[in-house]
């Protein structure tokens, strides 16, 4: 699985980091998502997919 963040869409809501803090963080200076783990393992799949779905700006996606 690979995580892709579309920074041009991100509005800094932070819902992704609440759902999957091992994968996402928030750059408070830029008010944008930071991908901490771009290729999380299967043990983080469910949380990562929930985080992607929780993004109101639809700035995240998962492939693979």
PDB file of N, CA and C in Angstrom:
ATOM      1  N   UNK A   1       0.845  -1.167   0.000  1.00  0.00           N
ATOM      2  CA  UNK A   1       0.000   0.000   0.000  1.00  0.00           C
ATOM      3  C   UNK A   1       0.892   1.233   0.000  1.00  0.00           C
ATOM      4  N   UNK A   2       0.492   2.227  -0.770  1.00  0.00           N
ATOM      5  CA  UNK A   2       1.227   3.488  -0.821  1.00  0.00           C
ATOM      6  C   UNK A   2       0.251   4.633  -0.548  1.00  0.00           C
ATOM      7  N   UNK A   3       0.682   5.590   0.255  1.00  0.00           N
ATOM      8  CA  UNK A   3      -0.134   6.749   0.607  1.00  0.00           C
ATOM      9  C   UNK A   3       0.301   7.945  -0.231  1.00  0.00           C
ATOM     10  N   UNK A   4      -0.674   8.621  -0.804  1.00  0.00           N
ATOM     11  CA  UNK A   4      -0.403   9.812  -1.600  1.00  0.00           C
ATOM     12  C   UNK A   4      -1.188  10.981  -1.003  1.00  0.00           C
ATOM     13  N   UNK A   5      -0.486  12.081  -0.755  1.00  0.00           N
ATOM     14  CA  UNK A   5      -1.122  13.297  -0.250  1.00  0.00           C
ATOM     15  C   UNK A   5      -1.076  14.362  -1.342  1.00  0.00           C
ATOM     16  N   UNK A   6      -2.232  14.915  -1.647  1.00  0.00           N
ATOM     17  CA  UNK A   6      -2.333  15.997  -2.617  1.00  0.00           C
ATOM     18  C   UNK A   6      -2.333  17.315  -1.834  1.00  0.00           C
ATOM     19  N   UNK A   7      -1.155  17.863  -1.658  1.00  0.00           N
ATOM     20  CA  UNK A   7      -0.993  19.036  -0.800  1.00  0.00           C
ATOM     21  C   UNK A   7      -1.766  20.250  -1.295  1.00  0.00           C
ATOM     22  N   UNK A   8      -2.013  20.330  -2.595  1.00  0.00           N
ATOM     23  CA  UNK A   8      -2.779  21.454  -3.127  1.00  0.00           C
ATOM     24  C   UNK A   8      -4.240  21.404  -2.685  1.00  0.00           C
ATOM     25  N   UNK A   9      -4.716  20.232  -2.269  1.00  0.00           N
ATOM     26  CA  UNK A   9      -6.096  20.079  -1.802  1.00  0.00           C
ATOM     27  C   UNK A   9      -6.215  20.154  -0.284  1.00  0.00           C
ATOM     28  N   UNK A  10      -5.130  19.877   0.427  1.00  0.00           N
ATOM     29  CA  UNK A  10      -5.158  19.802   1.883  1.00  0.00           C
ATOM     30  C   UNK A  10      -5.502  21.154   2.494  1.00  0.00           C
ATOM     31  N   UNK A  11      -6.396  21.120   3.469  1.00  0.00           N
ATOM     32  CA  UNK A  11      -6.797  22.342   4.180  1.00  0.00           C
ATOM     33  C   UNK A  11      -6.440  22.288   5.663  1.00  0.00           C
ATOM     34  N   UNK A  12      -5.698  21.252   6.066  1.00  0.00           N
ATOM     35  CA  UNK A  12      -5.208  21.179   7.438  1.00  0.00           C
ATOM     36  C   UNK A  12      -6.240  20.823   8.483  1.00  0.00           C
ATOM     37  N   UNK A  13      -7.270  20.084   8.106  1.00  0.00           N
ATOM     38  CA  UNK A  13      -8.298  19.696   9.074  1.00  0.00           C
ATOM     39  C   UNK A  13      -7.742  18.788  10.172  1.00  0.00           C
ATOM     40  N   UNK A  14      -6.790  17.937   9.829  1.00  0.00           N
ATOM     41  CA  UNK A  14      -6.148  17.079  10.819  1.00  0.00           C
ATOM     42  C   UNK A  14      -6.877  15.790  11.133  1.00  0.00           C
ATOM     43  N   UNK A  15      -7.970  15.517  10.465  1.00  0.00           N
ATOM     44  CA  UNK A  15      -8.711  14.288  10.756  1.00  0.00           C
ATOM     45  C   UNK A  15      -7.889  13.048  10.434  1.00  0.00           C
ATOM     46  N   UNK A  16      -7.010  13.137   9.461  1.00  0.00           N
ATOM     47  CA  UNK A  16      -6.176  11.991   9.093  1.00  0.00           C
ATOM     48  C   UNK A  16      -5.238  11.606  10.229  1.00  0.00           C
ATOM     49  N   UNK A  17      -4.644  12.590  10.867  1.00  0.00           N
ATOM     50  CA  UNK A  17      -3.695  12.273  11.934  1.00  0.00           C
ATOM     51  C   UNK A  17      -4.421  11.743  13.173  1.00  0.00           C
ATOM     52  N   UNK A  18      -5.663  12.096  13.353  1.00  0.00           N
ATOM     53  CA  UNK A  18      -6.430  11.534  14.459  1.00  0.00           C
ATOM     54  C   UNK A  18      -6.754  10.063  14.209  1.00  0.00           C
ATOM     55  N   UNK A  19      -7.020   9.713  12.964  1.00  0.00           N
ATOM     56  CA  UNK A  19      -7.345   8.336  12.605  1.00  0.00           C
ATOM     57  C   UNK A  19      -6.101   7.446  12.532  1.00  0.00           C
ATOM     58  N   UNK A  20      -5.005   7.981  12.015  1.00  0.00           N
ATOM     59  CA  UNK A  20      -3.797   7.170  11.809  1.00  0.00           C
ATOM     60  C   UNK A  20      -2.546   7.984  12.162  1.00  0.00           C
ATOM     61  N   UNK A  21      -2.299   8.199  13.448  1.00  0.00           N
ATOM     62  CA  UNK A  21      -1.163   9.034  13.855  1.00  0.00           C
ATOM     63  C   UNK A  21       0.206   8.448  13.518  1.00  0.00           C
ATOM     64  N   UNK A  22       0.280   7.164  13.238  1.00  0.00           N
ATOM     65  CA  UNK A  22       1.554   6.568  12.841  1.00  0.00           C
ATOM     66  C   UNK A  22       1.865   6.825  11.369  1.00  0.00           C
ATOM     67  N   UNK A  23       0.858   7.303  10.637  1.00  0.00           N
ATOM     68  CA  UNK A  23       1.010   7.522   9.199  1.00  0.00           C
ATOM     69  C   UNK A  23       0.992   9.010   8.845  1.00  0.00           C
ATOM     70  N   UNK A  24       0.167   9.787   9.550  1.00  0.00           N
ATOM     71  CA  UNK A  24      -0.025  11.196   9.210  1.00  0.00           C
ATOM     72  C   UNK A  24       0.270  12.122  10.376  1.00  0.00           C
ATOM     73  N   UNK A  25       0.738  13.308  10.046  1.00  0.00           N
ATOM     74  CA  UNK A  25       0.902  14.382  11.021  1.00  0.00           C
ATOM     75  C   UNK A  25       0.479  15.671  10.327  1.00  0.00           C
ATOM     76  N   UNK A  26       0.527  16.762  11.052  1.00  0.00           N
ATOM     77  CA  UNK A  26       0.134  18.050  10.497  1.00  0.00           C
ATOM     78  C   UNK A  26       1.262  19.052  10.687  1.00  0.00           C
ATOM     79  N   UNK A  27       1.678  19.679   9.612  1.00  0.00           N
ATOM     80  CA  UNK A  27       2.648  20.770   9.674  1.00  0.00           C
ATOM     81  C   UNK A  27       1.854  22.023  10.021  1.00  0.00           C
ATOM     82  N   UNK A  28       1.947  22.444  11.249  1.00  0.00           N
ATOM     83  CA  UNK A  28       1.141  23.567  11.713  1.00  0.00           C
ATOM     84  C   UNK A  28       1.553  24.890  11.084  1.00  0.00           C
ATOM     85  N   UNK A  29       2.809  25.018  10.692  1.00  0.00           N
ATOM     86  CA  UNK A  29       3.259  26.243  10.031  1.00  0.00           C
ATOM     87  C   UNK A  29       2.658  26.371   8.638  1.00  0.00           C
ATOM     88  N   UNK A  30       2.609  25.255   7.925  1.00  0.00           N
ATOM     89  CA  UNK A  30       2.080  25.242   6.557  1.00  0.00           C
ATOM     90  C   UNK A  30       0.595  24.882   6.511  1.00  0.00           C
ATOM     91  N   UNK A  31       0.062  24.379   7.631  1.00  0.00           N
ATOM     92  CA  UNK A  31      -1.320  23.920   7.711  1.00  0.00           C
ATOM     93  C   UNK A  31      -1.609  22.865   6.643  1.00  0.00           C
ATOM     94  N   UNK A  32      -0.696  21.889   6.549  1.00  0.00           N
ATOM     95  CA  UNK A  32      -0.799  20.826   5.555  1.00  0.00           C
ATOM     96  C   UNK A  32      -0.421  19.489   6.181  1.00  0.00           C
ATOM     97  N   UNK A  33      -0.939  18.444   5.604  1.00  0.00           N
ATOM     98  CA  UNK A  33      -0.626  17.085   6.037  1.00  0.00           C
ATOM     99  C   UNK A  33       0.851  16.769   5.784  1.00  0.00           C
ATOM    100  N   UNK A  34       1.403  15.956   6.663  1.00  0.00           N
ATOM    101  CA  UNK A  34       2.740  15.395   6.499  1.00  0.00           C
ATOM    102  C   UNK A  34       2.562  13.880   6.540  1.00  0.00           C
ATOM    103  N   UNK A  35       3.039  13.209   5.525  1.00  0.00           N
ATOM    104  CA  UNK A  35       2.978  11.745   5.502  1.00  0.00           C
ATOM    105  C   UNK A  35       4.230  11.229   6.205  1.00  0.00           C
ATOM    106  N   UNK A  36       4.027  10.608   7.348  1.00  0.00           N
ATOM    107  CA  UNK A  36       5.140  10.078   8.142  1.00  0.00           C
ATOM    108  C   UNK A  36       5.594   8.718   7.626  1.00  0.00           C
ATOM    109  N   UNK A  37       4.651   7.968   7.076  1.00  0.00           N
ATOM    110  CA  UNK A  37       4.932   6.616   6.609  1.00  0.00           C
ATOM    111  C   UNK A  37       4.211   6.427   5.273  1.00  0.00           C
ATOM    112  N   UNK A  38       4.920   6.617   4.181  1.00  0.00           N
ATOM    113  CA  UNK A  38       4.327   6.564   2.854  1.00  0.00           C
ATOM    114  C   UNK A  38       3.968   5.180   2.365  1.00  0.00           C
ATOM    115  N   UNK A  39       4.493   4.154   3.041  1.00  0.00           N
ATOM    116  CA  UNK A  39       4.179   2.775   2.674  1.00  0.00           C
ATOM    117  C   UNK A  39       3.914   1.956   3.938  1.00  0.00           C
ATOM    118  N   UNK A  40       2.799   2.254   4.607  1.00  0.00           N
ATOM    119  CA  UNK A  40       2.496   1.535   5.843  1.00  0.00           C
ATOM    120  C   UNK A  40       2.181   0.069   5.565  1.00  0.00           C
ATOM    121  N   UNK A  41       2.484  -0.765   6.531  1.00  0.00           N
ATOM    122  CA  UNK A  41       2.239  -2.196   6.405  1.00  0.00           C
ATOM    123  C   UNK A  41       0.769  -2.550   6.589  1.00  0.00           C
ATOM    124  N   UNK A  42       0.481  -3.811   6.400  1.00  0.00           N
ATOM    125  CA  UNK A  42      -0.899  -4.292   6.497  1.00  0.00           C
ATOM    126  C   UNK A  42      -1.513  -4.045   7.870  1.00  0.00           C
ATOM    127  N   UNK A  43      -0.687  -3.999   8.907  1.00  0.00           N
ATOM    128  CA  UNK A  43      -1.223  -3.765  10.250  1.00  0.00           C
ATOM    129  C   UNK A  43      -1.825  -2.367  10.393  1.00  0.00           C
ATOM    130  N   UNK A  44      -1.472  -1.449   9.495  1.00  0.00           N
ATOM    131  CA  UNK A  44      -2.013  -0.083   9.530  1.00  0.00           C
ATOM    132  C   UNK A  44      -3.025   0.177   8.407  1.00  0.00           C
ATOM    133  N   UNK A  45      -3.331  -0.844   7.619  1.00  0.00           N
ATOM    134  CA  UNK A  45      -4.205  -0.653   6.463  1.00  0.00           C
ATOM    135  C   UNK A  45      -5.577  -0.091   6.849  1.00  0.00           C
ATOM    136  N   UNK A  46      -6.249  -0.693   7.791  1.00  0.00           N
ATOM    137  CA  UNK A  46      -7.601  -0.262   8.158  1.00  0.00           C
ATOM    138  C   UNK A  46      -7.600   1.178   8.664  1.00  0.00           C
ATOM    139  N   UNK A  47      -6.666   1.507   9.526  1.00  0.00           N
ATOM    140  CA  UNK A  47      -6.606   2.878  10.073  1.00  0.00           C
ATOM    141  C   UNK A  47      -6.266   3.889   8.979  1.00  0.00           C
ATOM    142  N   UNK A  48      -5.355   3.501   8.076  1.00  0.00           N
ATOM    143  CA  UNK A  48      -4.967   4.397   6.987  1.00  0.00           C
ATOM    144  C   UNK A  48      -6.138   4.637   6.049  1.00  0.00           C
ATOM    145  N   UNK A  49      -6.855   3.591   5.714  1.00  0.00           N
ATOM    146  CA  UNK A  49      -8.019   3.741   4.829  1.00  0.00           C
ATOM    147  C   UNK A  49      -9.103   4.581   5.485  1.00  0.00           C
ATOM    148  N   UNK A  50      -9.312   4.418   6.787  1.00  0.00           N
ATOM    149  CA  UNK A  50     -10.273   5.277   7.509  1.00  0.00           C
ATOM    150  C   UNK A  50      -9.828   6.733   7.467  1.00  0.00           C
ATOM    151  N   UNK A  51      -8.536   6.956   7.638  1.00  0.00           N
ATOM    152  CA  UNK A  51      -8.006   8.322   7.595  1.00  0.00           C
ATOM    153  C   UNK A  51      -8.236   8.954   6.237  1.00  0.00           C
ATOM    154  N   UNK A  52      -8.012   8.198   5.181  1.00  0.00           N
ATOM    155  CA  UNK A  52      -8.235   8.710   3.821  1.00  0.00           C
ATOM    156  C   UNK A  52      -9.705   9.061   3.632  1.00  0.00           C
ATOM    157  N   UNK A  53     -10.589   8.186   4.074  1.00  0.00           N
ATOM    158  CA  UNK A  53     -12.028   8.454   3.936  1.00  0.00           C
ATOM    159  C   UNK A  53     -12.488   9.623   4.797  1.00  0.00           C
ATOM    160  N   UNK A  54     -11.791   9.870   5.905  1.00  0.00           N
ATOM    161  CA  UNK A  54     -12.211  10.932   6.829  1.00  0.00           C
ATOM    162  C   UNK A  54     -11.820  12.336   6.366  1.00  0.00           C
ATOM    163  N   UNK A  55     -10.971  12.436   5.360  1.00  0.00           N
ATOM    164  CA  UNK A  55     -10.488  13.745   4.914  1.00  0.00           C
ATOM    165  C   UNK A  55     -11.603  14.521   4.197  1.00  0.00           C
ATOM    166  N   UNK A  56     -12.055  15.635   4.774  1.00  0.00           N
ATOM    167  CA  UNK A  56     -13.115  16.421   4.143  1.00  0.00           C
ATOM    168  C   UNK A  56     -12.691  17.049   2.815  1.00  0.00           C
ATOM    169  N   UNK A  57     -11.402  17.282   2.656  1.00  0.00           N
ATOM    170  CA  UNK A  57     -10.908  17.923   1.433  1.00  0.00           C
ATOM    171  C   UNK A  57     -10.564  16.906   0.341  1.00  0.00           C
ATOM    172  N   UNK A  58     -10.655  15.617   0.669  1.00  0.00           N
ATOM    173  CA  UNK A  58     -10.320  14.549  -0.293  1.00  0.00           C
ATOM    174  C   UNK A  58      -8.895  14.720  -0.820  1.00  0.00           C
ATOM    175  N   UNK A  59      -7.979  15.014   0.100  1.00  0.00           N
ATOM    176  CA  UNK A  59      -6.593  15.286  -0.263  1.00  0.00           C
ATOM    177  C   UNK A  59      -5.685  14.061  -0.189  1.00  0.00           C
ATOM    178  N   UNK A  60      -6.247  12.923   0.209  1.00  0.00           N
ATOM    179  CA  UNK A  60      -5.443  11.711   0.408  1.00  0.00           C
ATOM    180  C   UNK A  60      -5.954  10.572  -0.446  1.00  0.00           C
ATOM    181  N   UNK A  61      -5.034   9.672  -0.810  1.00  0.00           N
ATOM    182  CA  UNK A  61      -5.451   8.451  -1.476  1.00  0.00           C
ATOM    183  C   UNK A  61      -4.479   7.332  -1.142  1.00  0.00           C
ATOM    184  N   UNK A  62      -4.962   6.122  -1.325  1.00  0.00           N
ATOM    185  CA  UNK A  62      -4.166   4.928  -1.094  1.00  0.00           C
ATOM    186  C   UNK A  62      -4.180   4.108  -2.377  1.00  0.00           C
ATOM    187  N   UNK A  63      -3.014   3.622  -2.765  1.00  0.00           N
ATOM    188  CA  UNK A  63      -2.928   2.709  -3.904  1.00  0.00           C
ATOM    189  C   UNK A  63      -2.336   1.398  -3.431  1.00  0.00           C
ATOM    190  N   UNK A  64      -2.691   0.348  -4.120  1.00  0.00           N
ATOM    191  CA  UNK A  64      -2.126  -0.967  -3.805  1.00  0.00           C
ATOM    192  C   UNK A  64      -2.719  -1.670  -2.682  1.00  0.00           C
TER     193      UNK A  64
END
